Amino acid sequence: MKKNPLSSKTLVSKLTSVDSLTPLLIGFLLFAVALIFGSCSKDDEPDFTADIAKVVGTYTVTDKDEDDEVETYTVNITKSGKWC
């Protein structure tokens, strides 16, 4: 019995057949679904609400440059929306 050598034509025909791509396609879809569902989980994110509440407010900052000139800035920190 003579075996056919693996040529580019037979390789392409084997890779493009529906039967050989079905397990690969199913695996890829399962991987994509796992990435989508696992990307934004509340269990992975720590709760920083107590820490954020400590820094929210208006602050006055005084800065002295190299010429000893004093400049005063006002910084306003507010809480914004969620990340995810």
Protein backbone atom coordinates (compact mmCIF):
# COMPACT_ATOMS: atom_id res chain seq x y z
CA MET A 1 0.00 0.00 0.00
CA LYS A 2 1.46 3.32 -1.09
CA LYS A 3 1.11 6.38 1.17
CA ASN A 4 0.61 9.78 -0.36
CA PRO A 5 3.22 12.34 0.66
CA LEU A 6 1.90 15.33 2.54
CA SER A 7 1.76 18.10 -0.02
CA SER A 8 0.47 21.62 0.39
CA LYS A 9 -2.67 20.73 -1.57
CA THR A 10 -3.59 17.82 0.71
CA LEU A 11 -2.66 19.80 3.81
CA VAL A 12 -4.93 22.70 2.82
CA SER A 13 -7.79 20.36 2.01
CA LYS A 14 -7.43 18.62 5.39
CA LEU A 15 -7.29 21.90 7.31
CA THR A 16 -10.27 23.40 5.50
CA SER A 17 -12.57 20.46 5.96
CA VAL A 18 -15.42 21.06 8.39
CA ASP A 19 -14.75 17.89 10.36
CA SER A 20 -11.19 18.86 11.27
CA LEU A 21 -12.06 22.46 12.20
CA THR A 22 -15.04 21.69 14.42
CA PRO A 23 -13.04 20.82 17.59
CA LEU A 24 -10.74 23.79 17.01
CA LEU A 25 -13.66 26.15 16.54
CA ILE A 26 -15.47 24.86 19.63
CA GLY A 27 -12.29 25.21 21.69
CA PHE A 28 -11.72 28.75 20.46
CA LEU A 29 -15.31 29.75 21.22
CA LEU A 30 -15.11 28.29 24.74
CA PHE A 31 -11.84 30.14 25.33
CA ALA A 32 -13.34 33.43 24.09
CA VAL A 33 -16.43 33.01 26.30
CA ALA A 34 -14.23 32.27 29.34
CA LEU A 35 -12.20 35.44 28.68
CA ILE A 36 -15.30 37.59 28.30
CA PHE A 37 -17.01 36.32 31.44
CA GLY A 38 -13.83 36.39 33.50
CA SER A 39 -12.66 39.85 32.47
CA CYS A 40 -14.91 41.95 34.71
CA SER A 41 -15.51 40.07 37.93
CA LYS A 42 -16.32 41.89 41.17
CA ASP A 43 -14.51 39.18 43.16
CA ASP A 44 -11.15 40.24 41.74
CA GLU A 45 -11.54 43.94 42.51
CA PRO A 46 -10.92 45.20 46.04
CA ASP A 47 -13.43 47.62 47.54
CA PHE A 48 -11.80 51.06 47.79
CA THR A 49 -14.92 53.04 48.75
CA ALA A 50 -13.74 53.64 52.34
CA ASP A 51 -10.31 54.80 51.14
CA ILE A 52 -11.84 57.08 48.50
CA ALA A 53 -14.12 58.70 51.06
CA LYS A 54 -11.04 59.68 53.09
CA VAL A 55 -9.48 61.75 50.29
CA VAL A 56 -12.54 63.35 48.68
CA GLY A 57 -12.55 67.10 49.28
CA THR A 58 -10.81 70.37 48.51
CA TYR A 59 -7.19 70.92 49.47
CA THR A 60 -4.90 73.93 49.41
CA VAL A 61 -1.31 73.31 48.38
CA THR A 62 1.49 75.79 48.90
CA ASP A 63 4.59 75.47 46.72
CA LYS A 64 7.90 77.29 46.87
CA ASP A 65 10.03 77.36 43.73
CA GLU A 66 13.79 77.79 43.41
CA ASP A 67 13.48 81.60 43.53
CA ASP A 68 11.65 81.36 46.89
CA GLU A 69 8.41 82.50 45.29
CA VAL A 70 5.40 81.00 47.03
CA GLU A 71 2.47 79.83 44.92
CA THR A 72 -0.80 78.50 46.29
CA TYR A 73 -2.95 75.98 44.44
CA THR A 74 -6.37 74.58 45.20
CA VAL A 75 -6.95 70.89 44.43
CA ASN A 76 -10.48 69.50 44.28
CA ILE A 77 -10.84 65.69 44.48
CA THR A 78 -14.24 64.16 43.68
CA LYS A 79 -15.53 60.63 43.40
CA SER A 80 -16.37 59.50 39.86
CA GLY A 81 -18.08 56.46 38.32
CA LYS A 82 -17.10 52.81 38.39
CA TRP A 83 -14.29 51.30 36.31
CA CYS A 84 -15.99 48.15 35.17
